[in-house]
Amino acid sequence: MNKIIQNPLIYSQCENLPTKIYRETTYKTWLIIFKVKNKHITILGVLSGKRKTSSFRKLI
């Protein structure tokens, strides 16, 4: 989490979601999806990396 807080814009956009405002990173086997707006970070979800990409759309 500290790495996301320090520099959230270095992470790539989440390609599994239709909108491009979300970013993603991994921690061990977990995928963390978040957005940055006005220096405020909102965690959309923390998913197992083993889940199907179709389950990502249920987050938004």
PDB file of N, CA and C in Angstrom:
ATOM      1  N   MET A   1       0.811  -1.195   0.000  1.00  0.00           N
ATOM      2  CA  MET A   1       0.000   0.000   0.000  1.00  0.00           C
ATOM      3  C   MET A   1       0.854   1.258   0.000  1.00  0.00           C
ATOM      4  N   ASN A   2       1.944   1.232   0.721  1.00  0.00           N
ATOM      5  CA  ASN A   2       2.790   2.418   0.783  1.00  0.00           C
ATOM      6  C   ASN A   2       3.315   2.808  -0.590  1.00  0.00           C
ATOM      7  N   LYS A   3       3.621   1.828  -1.432  1.00  0.00           N
ATOM      8  CA  LYS A   3       4.113   2.135  -2.777  1.00  0.00           C
ATOM      9  C   LYS A   3       3.039   2.821  -3.611  1.00  0.00           C
ATOM     10  N   ILE A   4       1.804   2.401  -3.459  1.00  0.00           N
ATOM     11  CA  ILE A   4       0.707   3.043  -4.188  1.00  0.00           C
ATOM     12  C   ILE A   4       0.549   4.484  -3.721  1.00  0.00           C
ATOM     13  N   ILE A   5       0.619   4.705  -2.433  1.00  0.00           N
ATOM     14  CA  ILE A   5       0.455   6.047  -1.873  1.00  0.00           C
ATOM     15  C   ILE A   5       1.584   6.969  -2.323  1.00  0.00           C
ATOM     16  N   GLN A   6       2.806   6.462  -2.357  1.00  0.00           N
ATOM     17  CA  GLN A   6       3.959   7.288  -2.710  1.00  0.00           C
ATOM     18  C   GLN A   6       3.922   7.752  -4.162  1.00  0.00           C
ATOM     19  N   ASN A   7       3.548   6.880  -5.082  1.00  0.00           N
ATOM     20  CA  ASN A   7       3.550   7.241  -6.497  1.00  0.00           C
ATOM     21  C   ASN A   7       2.501   6.429  -7.258  1.00  0.00           C
ATOM     22  N   PRO A   8       1.235   6.789  -7.142  1.00  0.00           N
ATOM     23  CA  PRO A   8       0.174   5.971  -7.736  1.00  0.00           C
ATOM     24  C   PRO A   8       0.128   5.998  -9.264  1.00  0.00           C
ATOM     25  N   LEU A   9       0.697   7.003  -9.878  1.00  0.00           N
ATOM     26  CA  LEU A   9       0.583   7.138 -11.329  1.00  0.00           C
ATOM     27  C   LEU A   9       1.581   6.295 -12.107  1.00  0.00           C
ATOM     28  N   ILE A  10       2.477   5.594 -11.415  1.00  0.00           N
ATOM     29  CA  ILE A  10       3.427   4.738 -12.134  1.00  0.00           C
ATOM     30  C   ILE A  10       2.790   3.417 -12.550  1.00  0.00           C
ATOM     31  N   TYR A  11       1.641   3.095 -12.002  1.00  0.00           N
ATOM     32  CA  TYR A  11       0.990   1.820 -12.298  1.00  0.00           C
ATOM     33  C   TYR A  11       0.158   1.923 -13.573  1.00  0.00           C
ATOM     34  N   SER A  12       0.051   0.813 -14.273  1.00  0.00           N
ATOM     35  CA  SER A  12      -0.640   0.805 -15.566  1.00  0.00           C
ATOM     36  C   SER A  12      -2.156   0.859 -15.391  1.00  0.00           C
ATOM     37  N   GLN A  13      -2.814   1.302 -16.450  1.00  0.00           N
ATOM     38  CA  GLN A  13      -4.268   1.332 -16.454  1.00  0.00           C
ATOM     39  C   GLN A  13      -4.795  -0.091 -16.475  1.00  0.00           C
ATOM     40  N   CYS A  14      -5.920  -0.295 -15.835  1.00  0.00           N
ATOM     41  CA  CYS A  14      -6.533  -1.620 -15.788  1.00  0.00           C
ATOM     42  C   CYS A  14      -7.205  -1.897 -17.130  1.00  0.00           C
ATOM     43  N   GLU A  15      -6.655  -2.828 -17.879  1.00  0.00           N
ATOM     44  CA  GLU A  15      -7.173  -3.140 -19.211  1.00  0.00           C
ATOM     45  C   GLU A  15      -8.425  -4.011 -19.172  1.00  0.00           C
ATOM     46  N   ASN A  16      -8.743  -4.583 -18.026  1.00  0.00           N
ATOM     47  CA  ASN A  16      -9.896  -5.471 -17.914  1.00  0.00           C
ATOM     48  C   ASN A  16     -11.202  -4.732 -17.648  1.00  0.00           C
ATOM     49  N   LEU A  17     -11.128  -3.421 -17.442  1.00  0.00           N
ATOM     50  CA  LEU A  17     -12.327  -2.625 -17.201  1.00  0.00           C
ATOM     51  C   LEU A  17     -12.541  -1.676 -18.376  1.00  0.00           C
ATOM     52  N   PRO A  18     -13.800  -1.389 -18.719  1.00  0.00           N
ATOM     53  CA  PRO A  18     -14.068  -0.569 -19.902  1.00  0.00           C
ATOM     54  C   PRO A  18     -13.609   0.885 -19.777  1.00  0.00           C
ATOM     55  N   THR A  19     -13.552   1.414 -18.591  1.00  0.00           N
ATOM     56  CA  THR A  19     -13.116   2.791 -18.391  1.00  0.00           C
ATOM     57  C   THR A  19     -11.632   2.814 -18.050  1.00  0.00           C
ATOM     58  N   LYS A  20     -10.951   3.865 -18.417  1.00  0.00           N
ATOM     59  CA  LYS A  20      -9.497   3.923 -18.244  1.00  0.00           C
ATOM     60  C   LYS A  20      -9.066   4.752 -17.035  1.00  0.00           C
ATOM     61  N   ILE A  21      -9.981   5.014 -16.102  1.00  0.00           N
ATOM     62  CA  ILE A  21      -9.602   5.802 -14.933  1.00  0.00           C
ATOM     63  C   ILE A  21      -9.012   4.939 -13.826  1.00  0.00           C
ATOM     64  N   TYR A  22      -9.114   3.626 -13.973  1.00  0.00           N
ATOM     65  CA  TYR A  22      -8.624   2.728 -12.936  1.00  0.00           C
ATOM     66  C   TYR A  22      -7.226   2.220 -13.259  1.00  0.00           C
ATOM     67  N   ARG A  23      -6.440   2.020 -12.226  1.00  0.00           N
ATOM     68  CA  ARG A  23      -5.086   1.488 -12.362  1.00  0.00           C
ATOM     69  C   ARG A  23      -5.013   0.178 -11.595  1.00  0.00           C
ATOM     70  N   GLU A  24      -3.966  -0.603 -11.893  1.00  0.00           N
ATOM     71  CA  GLU A  24      -3.839  -1.900 -11.237  1.00  0.00           C
ATOM     72  C   GLU A  24      -2.390  -2.184 -10.869  1.00  0.00           C
ATOM     73  N   THR A  25      -2.245  -2.961  -9.828  1.00  0.00           N
ATOM     74  CA  THR A  25      -0.946  -3.460  -9.414  1.00  0.00           C
ATOM     75  C   THR A  25      -1.155  -4.827  -8.778  1.00  0.00           C
ATOM     76  N   THR A  26      -0.083  -5.558  -8.612  1.00  0.00           N
ATOM     77  CA  THR A  26      -0.187  -6.867  -7.973  1.00  0.00           C
ATOM     78  C   THR A  26       0.640  -6.895  -6.703  1.00  0.00           C
ATOM     79  N   TYR A  27       0.167  -7.674  -5.767  1.00  0.00           N
ATOM     80  CA  TYR A  27       0.892  -7.957  -4.541  1.00  0.00           C
ATOM     81  C   TYR A  27       0.734  -9.450  -4.285  1.00  0.00           C
ATOM     82  N   LYS A  28       1.845 -10.164  -4.399  1.00  0.00           N
ATOM     83  CA  LYS A  28       1.837 -11.628  -4.331  1.00  0.00           C
ATOM     84  C   LYS A  28       0.847 -12.163  -5.359  1.00  0.00           C
ATOM     85  N   THR A  29      -0.228 -12.823  -4.950  1.00  0.00           N
ATOM     86  CA  THR A  29      -1.202 -13.350  -5.921  1.00  0.00           C
ATOM     87  C   THR A  29      -2.443 -12.466  -6.023  1.00  0.00           C
ATOM     88  N   TRP A  30      -2.411 -11.290  -5.434  1.00  0.00           N
ATOM     89  CA  TRP A  30      -3.573 -10.411  -5.403  1.00  0.00           C
ATOM     90  C   TRP A  30      -3.441  -9.299  -6.427  1.00  0.00           C
ATOM     91  N   LEU A  31      -4.549  -8.948  -7.035  1.00  0.00           N
ATOM     92  CA  LEU A  31      -4.614  -7.833  -7.966  1.00  0.00           C
ATOM     93  C   LEU A  31      -5.371  -6.699  -7.279  1.00  0.00           C
ATOM     94  N   ILE A  32      -4.743  -5.537  -7.192  1.00  0.00           N
ATOM     95  CA  ILE A  32      -5.340  -4.377  -6.533  1.00  0.00           C
ATOM     96  C   ILE A  32      -5.737  -3.378  -7.613  1.00  0.00           C
ATOM     97  N   ILE A  33      -6.999  -3.007  -7.640  1.00  0.00           N
ATOM     98  CA  ILE A  33      -7.511  -2.053  -8.617  1.00  0.00           C
ATOM     99  C   ILE A  33      -7.918  -0.790  -7.865  1.00  0.00           C
ATOM    100  N   PHE A  34      -7.422   0.356  -8.350  1.00  0.00           N
ATOM    101  CA  PHE A  34      -7.670   1.616  -7.656  1.00  0.00           C
ATOM    102  C   PHE A  34      -7.779   2.760  -8.652  1.00  0.00           C
ATOM    103  N   LYS A  35      -8.268   3.900  -8.158  1.00  0.00           N
ATOM    104  CA  LYS A  35      -8.294   5.105  -8.982  1.00  0.00           C
ATOM    105  C   LYS A  35      -7.718   6.261  -8.174  1.00  0.00           C
ATOM    106  N   VAL A  36      -7.210   7.246  -8.901  1.00  0.00           N
ATOM    107  CA  VAL A  36      -6.621   8.432  -8.285  1.00  0.00           C
ATOM    108  C   VAL A  36      -7.388   9.643  -8.796  1.00  0.00           C
ATOM    109  N   LYS A  37      -7.872  10.447  -7.871  1.00  0.00           N
ATOM    110  CA  LYS A  37      -8.581  11.666  -8.251  1.00  0.00           C
ATOM    111  C   LYS A  37      -8.236  12.749  -7.240  1.00  0.00           C
ATOM    112  N   ASN A  38      -7.635  13.810  -7.727  1.00  0.00           N
ATOM    113  CA  ASN A  38      -7.250  14.940  -6.867  1.00  0.00           C
ATOM    114  C   ASN A  38      -6.410  14.494  -5.671  1.00  0.00           C
ATOM    115  N   LYS A  39      -5.420  13.686  -5.923  1.00  0.00           N
ATOM    116  CA  LYS A  39      -4.497  13.166  -4.901  1.00  0.00           C
ATOM    117  C   LYS A  39      -5.198  12.293  -3.858  1.00  0.00           C
ATOM    118  N   HIS A  40      -6.380  11.800  -4.190  1.00  0.00           N
ATOM    119  CA  HIS A  40      -7.126  10.901  -3.303  1.00  0.00           C
ATOM    120  C   HIS A  40      -7.190   9.530  -3.975  1.00  0.00           C
ATOM    121  N   ILE A  41      -6.752   8.497  -3.270  1.00  0.00           N
ATOM    122  CA  ILE A  41      -6.715   7.142  -3.817  1.00  0.00           C
ATOM    123  C   ILE A  41      -7.909   6.358  -3.283  1.00  0.00           C
ATOM    124  N   THR A  42      -8.663   5.765  -4.195  1.00  0.00           N
ATOM    125  CA  THR A  42      -9.803   4.935  -3.832  1.00  0.00           C
ATOM    126  C   THR A  42      -9.545   3.519  -4.329  1.00  0.00           C
ATOM    127  N   ILE A  43      -9.570   2.557  -3.412  1.00  0.00           N
ATOM    128  CA  ILE A  43      -9.383   1.157  -3.776  1.00  0.00           C
ATOM    129  C   ILE A  43     -10.725   0.608  -4.254  1.00  0.00           C
ATOM    130  N   LEU A  44     -10.763   0.176  -5.489  1.00  0.00           N
ATOM    131  CA  LEU A  44     -11.993  -0.394  -6.046  1.00  0.00           C
ATOM    132  C   LEU A  44     -12.164  -1.843  -5.609  1.00  0.00           C
ATOM    133  N   GLY A  45     -11.062  -2.576  -5.578  1.00  0.00           N
ATOM    134  CA  GLY A  45     -11.156  -3.966  -5.168  1.00  0.00           C
ATOM    135  C   GLY A  45      -9.806  -4.635  -5.086  1.00  0.00           C
ATOM    136  N   VAL A  46      -9.768  -5.704  -4.330  1.00  0.00           N
ATOM    137  CA  VAL A  46      -8.591  -6.563  -4.219  1.00  0.00           C
ATOM    138  C   VAL A  46      -9.063  -7.961  -4.586  1.00  0.00           C
ATOM    139  N   LEU A  47      -8.557  -8.462  -5.712  1.00  0.00           N
ATOM    140  CA  LEU A  47      -9.035  -9.730  -6.248  1.00  0.00           C
ATOM    141  C   LEU A  47      -7.921 -10.757  -6.287  1.00  0.00           C
ATOM    142  N   SER A  48      -8.305 -11.994  -6.207  1.00  0.00           N
ATOM    143  CA  SER A  48      -7.343 -13.070  -6.402  1.00  0.00           C
ATOM    144  C   SER A  48      -6.898 -13.045  -7.854  1.00  0.00           C
ATOM    145  N   GLY A  49      -5.617 -13.200  -8.093  1.00  0.00           N
ATOM    146  CA  GLY A  49      -5.095 -13.207  -9.451  1.00  0.00           C
ATOM    147  C   GLY A  49      -5.572 -14.382 -10.267  1.00  0.00           C
ATOM    148  N   LYS A  50      -6.202 -15.347  -9.629  1.00  0.00           N
ATOM    149  CA  LYS A  50      -6.683 -16.547 -10.310  1.00  0.00           C
ATOM    150  C   LYS A  50      -8.101 -16.389 -10.857  1.00  0.00           C
ATOM    151  N   ARG A  51      -8.737 -15.265 -10.585  1.00  0.00           N
ATOM    152  CA  ARG A  51     -10.116 -15.053 -11.051  1.00  0.00           C
ATOM    153  C   ARG A  51     -10.148 -14.749 -12.535  1.00  0.00           C
ATOM    154  N   LYS A  52     -11.267 -15.032 -13.150  1.00  0.00           N
ATOM    155  CA  LYS A  52     -11.464 -14.730 -14.565  1.00  0.00           C
ATOM    156  C   LYS A  52     -11.618 -13.219 -14.750  1.00  0.00           C
ATOM    157  N   THR A  53     -11.189 -12.728 -15.893  1.00  0.00           N
ATOM    158  CA  THR A  53     -11.284 -11.289 -16.143  1.00  0.00           C
ATOM    159  C   THR A  53     -12.726 -10.808 -16.235  1.00  0.00           C
ATOM    160  N   SER A  54     -13.666 -11.673 -16.526  1.00  0.00           N
ATOM    161  CA  SER A  54     -15.072 -11.261 -16.591  1.00  0.00           C
ATOM    162  C   SER A  54     -15.596 -10.835 -15.221  1.00  0.00           C
ATOM    163  N   SER A  55     -15.002 -11.324 -14.150  1.00  0.00           N
ATOM    164  CA  SER A  55     -15.449 -10.947 -12.808  1.00  0.00           C
ATOM    165  C   SER A  55     -15.040  -9.523 -12.452  1.00  0.00           C
ATOM    166  N   PHE A  56     -14.124  -8.923 -13.195  1.00  0.00           N
ATOM    167  CA  PHE A  56     -13.682  -7.564 -12.917  1.00  0.00           C
ATOM    168  C   PHE A  56     -14.801  -6.570 -13.188  1.00  0.00           C
ATOM    169  N   ARG A  57     -15.608  -6.836 -14.194  1.00  0.00           N
ATOM    170  CA  ARG A  57     -16.674  -5.906 -14.569  1.00  0.00           C
ATOM    171  C   ARG A  57     -17.730  -5.769 -13.471  1.00  0.00           C
ATOM    172  N   LYS A  58     -17.799  -6.733 -12.584  1.00  0.00           N
ATOM    173  CA  LYS A  58     -18.761  -6.664 -11.487  1.00  0.00           C
ATOM    174  C   LYS A  58     -18.364  -5.619 -10.456  1.00  0.00           C
ATOM    175  N   LEU A  59     -17.122  -5.140 -10.514  1.00  0.00           N
ATOM    176  CA  LEU A  59     -16.646  -4.167  -9.537  1.00  0.00           C
ATOM    177  C   LEU A  59     -17.224  -2.777  -9.761  1.00  0.00           C
ATOM    178  N   ILE A  60     -17.505  -2.447 -11.023  1.00  0.00           N
ATOM    179  CA  ILE A  60     -17.963  -1.074 -11.288  1.00  0.00           C
ATOM    180  C   ILE A  60     -19.451  -1.015 -11.512  1.00  0.00           C
TER     181      ILE A  60
END
